[in-house]
């Protein structure tokens, strides 16, 4: 038996050559051919330990990729697993598909983060769910939520978005067995969100103008019956907002700046504050509306007056509102 082991070692060394070992388990398959021509396959699991803080660890240091710590102290791992001492900063990724960034003092415990791509997705999705990325299960070694938000960055394919669609990050509620929208900030083919817990995450498609039936907490006493459902849907989809006291104030006049915000929200356009709009009265446009005005102008949905002024505080007319709505409907076809 010892002779067979020695022979196997010689064959493996001869045919496999140098093998780069990753941190963790590394399955190695060896096919052995006997003198009579028969073959047998052996699988050997080689475990590569990561280095500790003193630079010591199991395995050869020539072929490993242990977590690194740049000058700012952030521990970085590209091996889909990360171990952090309590209070430390870290970043772990699964290729370019998902990255988890842990800020300092996110937890007072040692943290172990793992990322896995979910392969069996059929039972997690309904017919209406549209994926723009893979589904990833991100786990940690304790059940409590983080004390400070952790940042997730997921890649997705923006070319699959239609004009009336946007992308958002969702997490899977294991109790209700449903996906819950988080939102996120898009930049190119990446979308970033902050979370306080781990579970399954994915980038999903949403229809910007899709109405939702559920109601919202809003004082509707002064809203006409004919408008209550529409107002509730507009508030819940984020097109408009109520005031802090829970009122909607339906009789208040709408300014051109507010109209621009509602239109941009309906189309799920980005709204970067303090963006240059190109209008002559750019400095008069409120900071909270500049991004919306700039995006609407880019798509030709709003125009300036003869002197290239947007006049943000002027009341919008019914004719102007209808014009913007018609342009929006043309845009999303």
C-alpha atoms as a PDB file:
ATOM      1  CA  UNK A   1       0.000   0.000   0.000  1.00  0.00           C
ATOM      2  CA  UNK A   2       2.829   2.386   0.811  1.00  0.00           C
ATOM      3  CA  UNK A   3       4.298   1.725  -2.596  1.00  0.00           C
ATOM      4  CA  UNK A   4       1.032   2.754  -4.257  1.00  0.00           C
ATOM      5  CA  UNK A   5       0.984   6.026  -2.345  1.00  0.00           C
ATOM      6  CA  UNK A   6       4.554   6.817  -3.346  1.00  0.00           C
ATOM      7  CA  UNK A   7       3.821   5.971  -6.944  1.00  0.00           C
ATOM      8  CA  UNK A   8       0.708   8.167  -6.865  1.00  0.00           C
ATOM      9  CA  UNK A   9       2.746  11.067  -5.484  1.00  0.00           C
ATOM     10  CA  UNK A  10       5.299  10.676  -8.272  1.00  0.00           C
ATOM     11  CA  UNK A  11       2.599  10.574 -10.962  1.00  0.00           C
ATOM     12  CA  UNK A  12       0.806  13.606  -9.534  1.00  0.00           C
ATOM     13  CA  UNK A  13       4.059  15.580  -9.339  1.00  0.00           C
ATOM     14  CA  UNK A  14       4.993  14.587 -12.866  1.00  0.00           C
ATOM     15  CA  UNK A  15       1.683  15.312 -14.584  1.00  0.00           C
ATOM     16  CA  UNK A  16       0.237  18.196 -12.591  1.00  0.00           C
ATOM     17  CA  UNK A  17       3.310  20.325 -12.130  1.00  0.00           C
ATOM     18  CA  UNK A  18       2.860  23.445  -9.996  1.00  0.00           C
ATOM     19  CA  UNK A  19      -0.647  24.030  -8.610  1.00  0.00           C
ATOM     20  CA  UNK A  20      -1.695  27.463  -7.319  1.00  0.00           C
ATOM     21  CA  UNK A  21      -3.643  27.057  -4.092  1.00  0.00           C
ATOM     22  CA  UNK A  22      -6.375  29.488  -3.012  1.00  0.00           C
ATOM     23  CA  UNK A  23      -7.161  30.152   0.624  1.00  0.00           C
ATOM     24  CA  UNK A  24      -9.572  27.421   1.787  1.00  0.00           C
ATOM     25  CA  UNK A  25     -10.313  24.020   0.275  1.00  0.00           C
ATOM     26  CA  UNK A  26      -8.707  23.126  -3.078  1.00  0.00           C
ATOM     27  CA  UNK A  27      -9.970  19.864  -4.668  1.00  0.00           C
ATOM     28  CA  UNK A  28      -7.311  18.263  -6.905  1.00  0.00           C
ATOM     29  CA  UNK A  29      -8.238  15.416  -9.264  1.00  0.00           C
ATOM     30  CA  UNK A  30      -5.603  12.805 -10.212  1.00  0.00           C
ATOM     31  CA  UNK A  31      -6.171  10.050 -12.803  1.00  0.00           C
ATOM     32  CA  UNK A  32      -3.913   7.005 -12.287  1.00  0.00           C
ATOM     33  CA  UNK A  33      -3.313   4.422 -15.039  1.00  0.00           C
ATOM     34  CA  UNK A  34      -2.271   0.957 -13.905  1.00  0.00           C
ATOM     35  CA  UNK A  35       0.146  -1.317 -15.832  1.00  0.00           C
ATOM     36  CA  UNK A  36      -2.776  -3.301 -17.273  1.00  0.00           C
ATOM     37  CA  UNK A  37      -4.247  -0.083 -18.752  1.00  0.00           C
ATOM     38  CA  UNK A  38      -7.121   0.412 -16.285  1.00  0.00           C
ATOM     39  CA  UNK A  39      -7.593   3.861 -14.778  1.00  0.00           C
ATOM     40  CA  UNK A  40      -8.846   5.141 -11.471  1.00  0.00           C
ATOM     41  CA  UNK A  41      -9.643   8.693 -10.412  1.00  0.00           C
ATOM     42  CA  UNK A  42      -8.615  10.135  -7.034  1.00  0.00           C
ATOM     43  CA  UNK A  43      -9.718  13.478  -5.590  1.00  0.00           C
ATOM     44  CA  UNK A  44      -7.512  15.021  -2.931  1.00  0.00           C
ATOM     45  CA  UNK A  45      -8.715  18.045  -0.921  1.00  0.00           C
ATOM     46  CA  UNK A  46      -5.852  20.367   0.017  1.00  0.00           C
ATOM     47  CA  UNK A  47      -6.736  23.084   2.525  1.00  0.00           C
ATOM     48  CA  UNK A  48      -4.799  26.352   2.212  1.00  0.00           C
ATOM     49  CA  UNK A  49      -4.792  28.387   5.446  1.00  0.00           C
ATOM     50  CA  UNK A  50      -4.634  32.194   5.359  1.00  0.00           C
ATOM     51  CA  UNK A  51      -1.767  34.085   6.930  1.00  0.00           C
ATOM     52  CA  UNK A  52      -2.191  35.478  10.414  1.00  0.00           C
ATOM     53  CA  UNK A  53      -1.185  38.945  11.567  1.00  0.00           C
ATOM     54  CA  UNK A  54       2.406  37.791  12.164  1.00  0.00           C
ATOM     55  CA  UNK A  55       2.828  36.654   8.568  1.00  0.00           C
ATOM     56  CA  UNK A  56       2.660  32.975   9.560  1.00  0.00           C
ATOM     57  CA  UNK A  57       0.217  30.414   8.196  1.00  0.00           C
ATOM     58  CA  UNK A  58      -0.182  27.012   6.613  1.00  0.00           C
ATOM     59  CA  UNK A  59       0.747  26.179   3.050  1.00  0.00           C
ATOM     60  CA  UNK A  60       3.247  27.715   0.733  1.00  0.00           C
ATOM     61  CA  UNK A  61       3.351  31.489   0.570  1.00  0.00           C
ATOM     62  CA  UNK A  62       4.338  31.435  -3.103  1.00  0.00           C
ATOM     63  CA  UNK A  63       0.925  30.528  -4.552  1.00  0.00           C
ATOM     64  CA  UNK A  64      -1.656  32.069  -2.193  1.00  0.00           C
ATOM     65  CA  UNK A  65      -3.702  35.263  -2.372  1.00  0.00           C
ATOM     66  CA  UNK A  66      -4.362  36.178   1.260  1.00  0.00           C
ATOM     67  CA  UNK A  67      -6.368  39.266   2.281  1.00  0.00           C
ATOM     68  CA  UNK A  68      -4.289  42.411   1.988  1.00  0.00           C
ATOM     69  CA  UNK A  69      -4.254  45.532   4.145  1.00  0.00           C
ATOM     70  CA  UNK A  70      -3.385  48.782   2.329  1.00  0.00           C
ATOM     71  CA  UNK A  71      -1.966  51.793   4.084  1.00  0.00           C
ATOM     72  CA  UNK A  72      -5.390  52.966   5.307  1.00  0.00           C
ATOM     73  CA  UNK A  73      -5.851  49.723   7.256  1.00  0.00           C
ATOM     74  CA  UNK A  74      -8.662  48.306   5.108  1.00  0.00           C
ATOM     75  CA  UNK A  75      -8.434  44.514   4.835  1.00  0.00           C
ATOM     76  CA  UNK A  76      -9.238  43.463   1.266  1.00  0.00           C
ATOM     77  CA  UNK A  77     -10.141  39.991   0.038  1.00  0.00           C
ATOM     78  CA  UNK A  78     -11.115  38.880  -3.454  1.00  0.00           C
ATOM     79  CA  UNK A  79     -11.672  35.276  -2.372  1.00  0.00           C
ATOM     80  CA  UNK A  80     -15.434  35.678  -1.543  1.00  0.00           C
ATOM     81  CA  UNK A  81     -14.649  35.376   2.189  1.00  0.00           C
ATOM     82  CA  UNK A  82     -13.306  37.869   4.695  1.00  0.00           C
ATOM     83  CA  UNK A  83     -12.431  37.734   8.378  1.00  0.00           C
ATOM     84  CA  UNK A  84     -12.169  41.015  10.287  1.00  0.00           C
ATOM     85  CA  UNK A  85     -11.236  41.799  13.853  1.00  0.00           C
ATOM     86  CA  UNK A  86     -13.844  43.778  15.798  1.00  0.00           C
ATOM     87  CA  UNK A  87     -14.147  47.376  14.646  1.00  0.00           C
ATOM     88  CA  UNK A  88     -11.875  46.999  11.607  1.00  0.00           C
ATOM     89  CA  UNK A  89     -12.501  48.142   8.033  1.00  0.00           C
ATOM     90  CA  UNK A  90     -12.725  45.592   5.240  1.00  0.00           C
ATOM     91  CA  UNK A  91     -13.791  44.865   1.684  1.00  0.00           C
ATOM     92  CA  UNK A  92     -14.639  41.509   0.134  1.00  0.00           C
ATOM     93  CA  UNK A  93     -15.743  40.793  -3.418  1.00  0.00           C
ATOM     94  CA  UNK A  94     -16.880  37.999  -5.699  1.00  0.00           C
ATOM     95  CA  UNK A  95     -15.134  38.888  -8.921  1.00  0.00           C
ATOM     96  CA  UNK A  96     -16.609  42.112 -10.305  1.00  0.00           C
ATOM     97  CA  UNK A  97     -20.187  41.017  -9.606  1.00  0.00           C
ATOM     98  CA  UNK A  98     -20.588  42.080  -5.980  1.00  0.00           C
ATOM     99  CA  UNK A  99     -18.477  43.902  -3.400  1.00  0.00           C
ATOM    100  CA  UNK A 100     -19.161  44.292   0.328  1.00  0.00           C
ATOM    101  CA  UNK A 101     -17.517  47.258   2.063  1.00  0.00           C
ATOM    102  CA  UNK A 102     -17.485  47.197   5.865  1.00  0.00           C
ATOM    103  CA  UNK A 103     -16.879  50.557   7.581  1.00  0.00           C
ATOM    104  CA  UNK A 104     -14.952  50.886  10.863  1.00  0.00           C
ATOM    105  CA  UNK A 105     -16.904  50.010  14.002  1.00  0.00           C
ATOM    106  CA  UNK A 106     -19.739  48.369  12.066  1.00  0.00           C
ATOM    107  CA  UNK A 107     -19.698  45.705  14.785  1.00  0.00           C
ATOM    108  CA  UNK A 108     -17.949  45.075  18.076  1.00  0.00           C
ATOM    109  CA  UNK A 109     -17.410  41.387  17.229  1.00  0.00           C
ATOM    110  CA  UNK A 110     -15.065  39.493  14.988  1.00  0.00           C
ATOM    111  CA  UNK A 111     -16.758  39.446  11.591  1.00  0.00           C
ATOM    112  CA  UNK A 112     -16.683  36.681   9.002  1.00  0.00           C
ATOM    113  CA  UNK A 113     -18.339  37.553   5.696  1.00  0.00           C
ATOM    114  CA  UNK A 114     -19.032  35.041   2.930  1.00  0.00           C
ATOM    115  CA  UNK A 115     -20.498  35.604  -0.549  1.00  0.00           C
ATOM    116  CA  UNK A 116     -22.084  32.869  -2.653  1.00  0.00           C
ATOM    117  CA  UNK A 117     -23.900  32.986  -5.962  1.00  0.00           C
ATOM    118  CA  UNK A 118     -27.317  31.308  -5.731  1.00  0.00           C
ATOM    119  CA  UNK A 119     -27.667  28.760  -8.524  1.00  0.00           C
ATOM    120  CA  UNK A 120     -31.165  27.423  -7.795  1.00  0.00           C
ATOM    121  CA  UNK A 121     -33.228  30.579  -8.274  1.00  0.00           C
ATOM    122  CA  UNK A 122     -36.520  29.197  -9.548  1.00  0.00           C
ATOM    123  CA  UNK A 123     -38.174  28.932  -6.147  1.00  0.00           C
ATOM    124  CA  UNK A 124     -37.123  32.478  -5.264  1.00  0.00           C
ATOM    125  CA  UNK A 125     -38.728  34.230  -8.242  1.00  0.00           C
ATOM    126  CA  UNK A 126     -42.289  34.922  -9.325  1.00  0.00           C
ATOM    127  CA  UNK A 127     -43.347  35.459 -12.917  1.00  0.00           C
ATOM    128  CA  UNK A 128     -43.366  39.214 -12.461  1.00  0.00           C
ATOM    129  CA  UNK A 129     -39.817  39.370 -11.097  1.00  0.00           C
ATOM    130  CA  UNK A 130     -37.205  40.481 -13.602  1.00  0.00           C
ATOM    131  CA  UNK A 131     -33.540  39.946 -12.762  1.00  0.00           C
ATOM    132  CA  UNK A 132     -30.832  42.306 -13.937  1.00  0.00           C
ATOM    133  CA  UNK A 133     -28.085  40.422 -12.069  1.00  0.00           C
ATOM    134  CA  UNK A 134     -27.403  37.105 -10.431  1.00  0.00           C
ATOM    135  CA  UNK A 135     -28.748  36.421  -6.940  1.00  0.00           C
ATOM    136  CA  UNK A 136     -26.117  36.497  -4.217  1.00  0.00           C
ATOM    137  CA  UNK A 137     -26.372  35.182  -0.672  1.00  0.00           C
ATOM    138  CA  UNK A 138     -24.218  37.229   1.681  1.00  0.00           C
ATOM    139  CA  UNK A 139     -23.835  35.879   5.215  1.00  0.00           C
ATOM    140  CA  UNK A 140     -22.081  36.759   8.454  1.00  0.00           C
ATOM    141  CA  UNK A 141     -21.223  34.783  11.548  1.00  0.00           C
ATOM    142  CA  UNK A 142     -23.732  36.392  13.976  1.00  0.00           C
ATOM    143  CA  UNK A 143     -27.468  37.234  13.758  1.00  0.00           C
ATOM    144  CA  UNK A 144     -27.449  40.832  15.046  1.00  0.00           C
ATOM    145  CA  UNK A 145     -27.708  43.749  12.621  1.00  0.00           C
ATOM    146  CA  UNK A 146     -24.723  45.993  11.996  1.00  0.00           C
ATOM    147  CA  UNK A 147     -24.286  49.072  14.162  1.00  0.00           C
ATOM    148  CA  UNK A 148     -23.291  51.094  11.068  1.00  0.00           C
ATOM    149  CA  UNK A 149     -24.520  50.532   7.488  1.00  0.00           C
ATOM    150  CA  UNK A 150     -22.496  48.255   5.236  1.00  0.00           C
ATOM    151  CA  UNK A 151     -22.204  49.164   1.539  1.00  0.00           C
ATOM    152  CA  UNK A 152     -23.075  46.692  -1.221  1.00  0.00           C
ATOM    153  CA  UNK A 153     -22.078  47.308  -4.831  1.00  0.00           C
ATOM    154  CA  UNK A 154     -23.596  45.002  -7.447  1.00  0.00           C
ATOM    155  CA  UNK A 155     -22.998  44.946 -11.186  1.00  0.00           C
ATOM    156  CA  UNK A 156     -25.875  44.631 -13.650  1.00  0.00           C
ATOM    157  CA  UNK A 157     -26.588  44.961 -17.357  1.00  0.00           C
ATOM    158  CA  UNK A 158     -28.054  48.440 -18.011  1.00  0.00           C
ATOM    159  CA  UNK A 159     -28.704  47.650 -21.683  1.00  0.00           C
ATOM    160  CA  UNK A 160     -31.718  45.513 -20.776  1.00  0.00           C
ATOM    161  CA  UNK A 161     -33.550  48.500 -19.256  1.00  0.00           C
ATOM    162  CA  UNK A 162     -36.466  49.819 -21.275  1.00  0.00           C
ATOM    163  CA  UNK A 163     -37.449  53.478 -21.288  1.00  0.00           C
ATOM    164  CA  UNK A 164     -40.071  52.948 -18.605  1.00  0.00           C
ATOM    165  CA  UNK A 165     -37.836  50.801 -16.419  1.00  0.00           C
ATOM    166  CA  UNK A 166     -35.237  51.381 -13.777  1.00  0.00           C
ATOM    167  CA  UNK A 167     -33.018  49.094 -11.704  1.00  0.00           C
ATOM    168  CA  UNK A 168     -33.020  48.695  -7.942  1.00  0.00           C
ATOM    169  CA  UNK A 169     -31.454  46.395  -5.377  1.00  0.00           C
ATOM    170  CA  UNK A 170     -33.851  44.028  -3.603  1.00  0.00           C
ATOM    171  CA  UNK A 171     -33.322  41.741  -0.620  1.00  0.00           C
ATOM    172  CA  UNK A 172     -35.203  38.500  -0.027  1.00  0.00           C
ATOM    173  CA  UNK A 173     -37.430  38.365   3.054  1.00  0.00           C
ATOM    174  CA  UNK A 174     -37.055  34.775   4.247  1.00  0.00           C
ATOM    175  CA  UNK A 175     -40.127  35.062   6.507  1.00  0.00           C
ATOM    176  CA  UNK A 176     -42.573  36.473   3.950  1.00  0.00           C
ATOM    177  CA  UNK A 177     -40.876  34.738   1.012  1.00  0.00           C
ATOM    178  CA  UNK A 178     -40.862  37.899  -1.063  1.00  0.00           C
ATOM    179  CA  UNK A 179     -38.435  40.423  -2.483  1.00  0.00           C
ATOM    180  CA  UNK A 180     -38.239  43.830  -0.804  1.00  0.00           C
ATOM    181  CA  UNK A 181     -36.996  46.865  -2.675  1.00  0.00           C
ATOM    182  CA  UNK A 182     -34.077  48.780  -1.156  1.00  0.00           C
ATOM    183  CA  UNK A 183     -33.301  51.141  -4.024  1.00  0.00           C
ATOM    184  CA  UNK A 184     -29.747  52.145  -4.799  1.00  0.00           C
ATOM    185  CA  UNK A 185     -27.626  54.671  -6.641  1.00  0.00           C
ATOM    186  CA  UNK A 186     -26.699  53.743 -10.197  1.00  0.00           C
ATOM    187  CA  UNK A 187     -23.363  54.587 -11.798  1.00  0.00           C
ATOM    188  CA  UNK A 188     -22.678  52.958 -15.148  1.00  0.00           C
ATOM    189  CA  UNK A 189     -23.260  49.229 -14.765  1.00  0.00           C
ATOM    190  CA  UNK A 190     -23.004  49.323 -10.970  1.00  0.00           C
ATOM    191  CA  UNK A 191     -25.615  50.056  -8.322  1.00  0.00           C
ATOM    192  CA  UNK A 192     -24.773  50.777  -4.680  1.00  0.00           C
ATOM    193  CA  UNK A 193     -26.886  50.545  -1.520  1.00  0.00           C
ATOM    194  CA  UNK A 194     -26.370  50.567   2.241  1.00  0.00           C
ATOM    195  CA  UNK A 195     -27.755  47.736   4.398  1.00  0.00           C
ATOM    196  CA  UNK A 196     -27.711  46.816   8.078  1.00  0.00           C
ATOM    197  CA  UNK A 197     -28.114  43.048   7.645  1.00  0.00           C
ATOM    198  CA  UNK A 198     -27.202  40.255   5.235  1.00  0.00           C
ATOM    199  CA  UNK A 199     -29.408  37.860   3.273  1.00  0.00           C
ATOM    200  CA  UNK A 200     -29.990  37.236  -0.446  1.00  0.00           C
ATOM    201  CA  UNK A 201     -29.604  40.248  -2.735  1.00  0.00           C
ATOM    202  CA  UNK A 202     -30.171  40.920  -6.435  1.00  0.00           C
ATOM    203  CA  UNK A 203     -30.599  43.755  -8.910  1.00  0.00           C
ATOM    204  CA  UNK A 204     -34.151  43.698 -10.300  1.00  0.00           C
ATOM    205  CA  UNK A 205     -36.100  45.634 -12.898  1.00  0.00           C
ATOM    206  CA  UNK A 206     -38.899  47.954 -11.858  1.00  0.00           C
ATOM    207  CA  UNK A 207     -41.415  49.837 -13.962  1.00  0.00           C
ATOM    208  CA  UNK A 208     -41.088  53.513 -13.167  1.00  0.00           C
ATOM    209  CA  UNK A 209     -44.745  54.302 -13.738  1.00  0.00           C
ATOM    210  CA  UNK A 210     -46.247  51.027 -12.532  1.00  0.00           C
ATOM    211  CA  UNK A 211     -49.104  51.826 -10.110  1.00  0.00           C
ATOM    212  CA  UNK A 212     -49.298  50.110  -6.734  1.00  0.00           C
ATOM    213  CA  UNK A 213     -52.571  49.318  -5.041  1.00  0.00           C
ATOM    214  CA  UNK A 214     -51.476  49.572  -1.430  1.00  0.00           C
ATOM    215  CA  UNK A 215     -52.436  52.781   0.345  1.00  0.00           C
ATOM    216  CA  UNK A 216     -50.201  55.269   2.120  1.00  0.00           C
ATOM    217  CA  UNK A 217     -50.404  57.112   5.416  1.00  0.00           C
ATOM    218  CA  UNK A 218     -51.780  60.426   4.172  1.00  0.00           C
ATOM    219  CA  UNK A 219     -54.442  62.847   5.352  1.00  0.00           C
ATOM    220  CA  UNK A 220     -56.923  62.612   2.474  1.00  0.00           C
ATOM    221  CA  UNK A 221     -59.733  64.641   4.034  1.00  0.00           C
ATOM    222  CA  UNK A 222     -59.328  67.525   1.585  1.00  0.00           C
ATOM    223  CA  UNK A 223     -58.633  65.369  -1.478  1.00  0.00           C
ATOM    224  CA  UNK A 224     -61.594  64.794  -3.788  1.00  0.00           C
ATOM    225  CA  UNK A 225     -62.831  61.211  -4.059  1.00  0.00           C
ATOM    226  CA  UNK A 226     -61.984  61.214  -7.763  1.00  0.00           C
ATOM    227  CA  UNK A 227     -58.292  61.873  -6.978  1.00  0.00           C
ATOM    228  CA  UNK A 228     -57.669  59.891  -3.788  1.00  0.00           C
ATOM    229  CA  UNK A 229     -56.524  56.661  -5.435  1.00  0.00           C
ATOM    230  CA  UNK A 230     -54.285  58.468  -7.928  1.00  0.00           C
ATOM    231  CA  UNK A 231     -52.706  60.573  -5.185  1.00  0.00           C
ATOM    232  CA  UNK A 232     -52.077  57.498  -3.018  1.00  0.00           C
ATOM    233  CA  UNK A 233     -50.415  55.681  -5.912  1.00  0.00           C
ATOM    234  CA  UNK A 234     -48.299  58.721  -6.810  1.00  0.00           C
ATOM    235  CA  UNK A 235     -47.107  59.082  -3.207  1.00  0.00           C
ATOM    236  CA  UNK A 236     -46.244  55.411  -2.829  1.00  0.00           C
ATOM    237  CA  UNK A 237     -44.342  55.214  -6.122  1.00  0.00           C
ATOM    238  CA  UNK A 238     -42.316  58.265  -5.058  1.00  0.00           C
ATOM    239  CA  UNK A 239     -43.615  60.596  -7.765  1.00  0.00           C
ATOM    240  CA  UNK A 240     -44.843  63.092  -5.168  1.00  0.00           C
ATOM    241  CA  UNK A 241     -44.501  63.441  -1.410  1.00  0.00           C
ATOM    242  CA  UNK A 242     -46.746  64.590   1.386  1.00  0.00           C
ATOM    243  CA  UNK A 243     -45.710  67.125   3.992  1.00  0.00           C
ATOM    244  CA  UNK A 244     -44.139  66.258   7.337  1.00  0.00           C
ATOM    245  CA  UNK A 245     -47.459  66.700   9.151  1.00  0.00           C
ATOM    246  CA  UNK A 246     -49.053  64.001   6.968  1.00  0.00           C
ATOM    247  CA  UNK A 247     -51.021  66.438   4.806  1.00  0.00           C
ATOM    248  CA  UNK A 248     -51.110  66.553   1.015  1.00  0.00           C
ATOM    249  CA  UNK A 249     -52.504  70.086   0.502  1.00  0.00           C
ATOM    250  CA  UNK A 250     -54.224  69.380  -2.822  1.00  0.00           C
ATOM    251  CA  UNK A 251     -55.200  72.998  -3.489  1.00  0.00           C
ATOM    252  CA  UNK A 252     -51.655  74.354  -3.371  1.00  0.00           C
ATOM    253  CA  UNK A 253     -50.248  75.650  -6.665  1.00  0.00           C
ATOM    254  CA  UNK A 254     -47.432  73.648  -8.258  1.00  0.00           C
ATOM    255  CA  UNK A 255     -44.259  75.463  -9.262  1.00  0.00           C
ATOM    256  CA  UNK A 256     -42.223  74.543 -12.312  1.00  0.00           C
ATOM    257  CA  UNK A 257     -39.471  73.218 -10.022  1.00  0.00           C
ATOM    258  CA  UNK A 258     -41.930  70.905  -8.246  1.00  0.00           C
ATOM    259  CA  UNK A 259     -43.374  69.784 -11.569  1.00  0.00           C
ATOM    260  CA  UNK A 260     -39.868  68.906 -12.757  1.00  0.00           C
ATOM    261  CA  UNK A 261     -39.261  66.833  -9.631  1.00  0.00           C
ATOM    262  CA  UNK A 262     -42.511  64.903 -10.101  1.00  0.00           C
ATOM    263  CA  UNK A 263     -41.748  64.186 -13.752  1.00  0.00           C
ATOM    264  CA  UNK A 264     -38.182  63.058 -12.987  1.00  0.00           C
ATOM    265  CA  UNK A 265     -39.412  60.825 -10.161  1.00  0.00           C
ATOM    266  CA  UNK A 266     -42.032  59.267 -12.438  1.00  0.00           C
ATOM    267  CA  UNK A 267     -39.364  58.405 -15.008  1.00  0.00           C
ATOM    268  CA  UNK A 268     -36.892  57.269 -12.311  1.00  0.00           C
ATOM    269  CA  UNK A 269     -34.304  59.723 -13.615  1.00  0.00           C
ATOM    270  CA  UNK A 270     -31.200  60.424 -11.501  1.00  0.00           C
ATOM    271  CA  UNK A 271     -31.317  63.613  -9.439  1.00  0.00           C
ATOM    272  CA  UNK A 272     -27.835  64.768  -8.532  1.00  0.00           C
ATOM    273  CA  UNK A 273     -28.082  67.903  -6.362  1.00  0.00           C
ATOM    274  CA  UNK A 274     -26.532  71.162  -7.525  1.00  0.00           C
ATOM    275  CA  UNK A 275     -26.163  69.984 -11.136  1.00  0.00           C
ATOM    276  CA  UNK A 276     -25.661  72.678 -13.771  1.00  0.00           C
ATOM    277  CA  UNK A 277     -28.893  72.945 -15.775  1.00  0.00           C
ATOM    278  CA  UNK A 278     -27.752  75.221 -18.583  1.00  0.00           C
ATOM    279  CA  UNK A 279     -30.595  77.682 -18.016  1.00  0.00           C
ATOM    280  CA  UNK A 280     -29.802  81.382 -17.679  1.00  0.00           C
ATOM    281  CA  UNK A 281     -31.425  81.487 -14.230  1.00  0.00           C
ATOM    282  CA  UNK A 282     -29.630  78.369 -13.016  1.00  0.00           C
ATOM    283  CA  UNK A 283     -28.792  80.031  -9.682  1.00  0.00           C
ATOM    284  CA  UNK A 284     -32.515  80.555  -8.979  1.00  0.00           C
ATOM    285  CA  UNK A 285     -33.343  76.846  -9.308  1.00  0.00           C
ATOM    286  CA  UNK A 286     -33.479  75.136  -5.879  1.00  0.00           C
ATOM    287  CA  UNK A 287     -30.637  72.699  -5.246  1.00  0.00           C
ATOM    288  CA  UNK A 288     -33.105  69.856  -4.669  1.00  0.00           C
ATOM    289  CA  UNK A 289     -34.550  70.325  -8.164  1.00  0.00           C
ATOM    290  CA  UNK A 290     -31.460  71.026 -10.249  1.00  0.00           C
ATOM    291  CA  UNK A 291     -30.661  67.418 -11.065  1.00  0.00           C
ATOM    292  CA  UNK A 292     -34.266  66.774 -12.130  1.00  0.00           C
ATOM    293  CA  UNK A 293     -34.399  69.900 -14.305  1.00  0.00           C
ATOM    294  CA  UNK A 294     -31.073  69.022 -15.963  1.00  0.00           C
ATOM    295  CA  UNK A 295     -32.217  65.461 -16.764  1.00  0.00           C
ATOM    296  CA  UNK A 296     -35.591  66.591 -18.125  1.00  0.00           C
ATOM    297  CA  UNK A 297     -33.911  69.177 -20.326  1.00  0.00           C
ATOM    298  CA  UNK A 298     -31.532  66.527 -21.645  1.00  0.00           C
ATOM    299  CA  UNK A 299     -34.525  64.497 -22.866  1.00  0.00           C
ATOM    300  CA  UNK A 300     -36.333  67.564 -24.195  1.00  0.00           C
ATOM    301  CA  UNK A 301     -39.128  67.322 -21.642  1.00  0.00           C
ATOM    302  CA  UNK A 302     -38.774  70.906 -20.378  1.00  0.00           C
ATOM    303  CA  UNK A 303     -37.727  74.074 -22.139  1.00  0.00           C
ATOM    304  CA  UNK A 304     -36.787  77.579 -21.139  1.00  0.00           C
ATOM    305  CA  UNK A 305     -38.553  80.742 -22.134  1.00  0.00           C
ATOM    306  CA  UNK A 306     -37.329  83.090 -24.882  1.00  0.00           C
ATOM    307  CA  UNK A 307     -34.486  84.303 -22.656  1.00  0.00           C
ATOM    308  CA  UNK A 308     -33.490  80.707 -21.799  1.00  0.00           C
ATOM    309  CA  UNK A 309     -34.866  81.024 -18.285  1.00  0.00           C
ATOM    310  CA  UNK A 310     -36.545  78.125 -16.540  1.00  0.00           C
ATOM    311  CA  UNK A 311     -38.383  80.359 -14.022  1.00  0.00           C
ATOM    312  CA  UNK A 312     -38.508  77.650 -11.319  1.00  0.00           C
ATOM    313  CA  UNK A 313     -40.759  79.492  -8.868  1.00  0.00           C
ATOM    314  CA  UNK A 314     -43.440  80.369 -11.382  1.00  0.00           C
ATOM    315  CA  UNK A 315     -46.700  78.463 -11.146  1.00  0.00           C
ATOM    316  CA  UNK A 316     -47.067  75.869 -13.848  1.00  0.00           C
ATOM    317  CA  UNK A 317     -50.148  76.094 -16.017  1.00  0.00           C
ATOM    318  CA  UNK A 318     -52.492  73.265 -16.945  1.00  0.00           C
ATOM    319  CA  UNK A 319     -51.235  73.559 -20.532  1.00  0.00           C
ATOM    320  CA  UNK A 320     -47.598  73.186 -19.450  1.00  0.00           C
ATOM    321  CA  UNK A 321     -48.444  70.176 -17.314  1.00  0.00           C
ATOM    322  CA  UNK A 322     -50.279  68.472 -20.183  1.00  0.00           C
ATOM    323  CA  UNK A 323     -47.354  69.186 -22.518  1.00  0.00           C
ATOM    324  CA  UNK A 324     -44.866  67.561 -20.132  1.00  0.00           C
ATOM    325  CA  UNK A 325     -47.164  64.560 -19.596  1.00  0.00           C
ATOM    326  CA  UNK A 326     -47.542  64.001 -23.339  1.00  0.00           C
ATOM    327  CA  UNK A 327     -43.769  64.148 -23.814  1.00  0.00           C
ATOM    328  CA  UNK A 328     -43.326  61.670 -20.953  1.00  0.00           C
ATOM    329  CA  UNK A 329     -45.775  59.235 -22.529  1.00  0.00           C
ATOM    330  CA  UNK A 330     -43.871  59.471 -25.809  1.00  0.00           C
ATOM    331  CA  UNK A 331     -40.594  58.873 -23.988  1.00  0.00           C
ATOM    332  CA  UNK A 332     -41.699  55.626 -22.311  1.00  0.00           C
ATOM    333  CA  UNK A 333     -43.242  53.997 -25.393  1.00  0.00           C
END
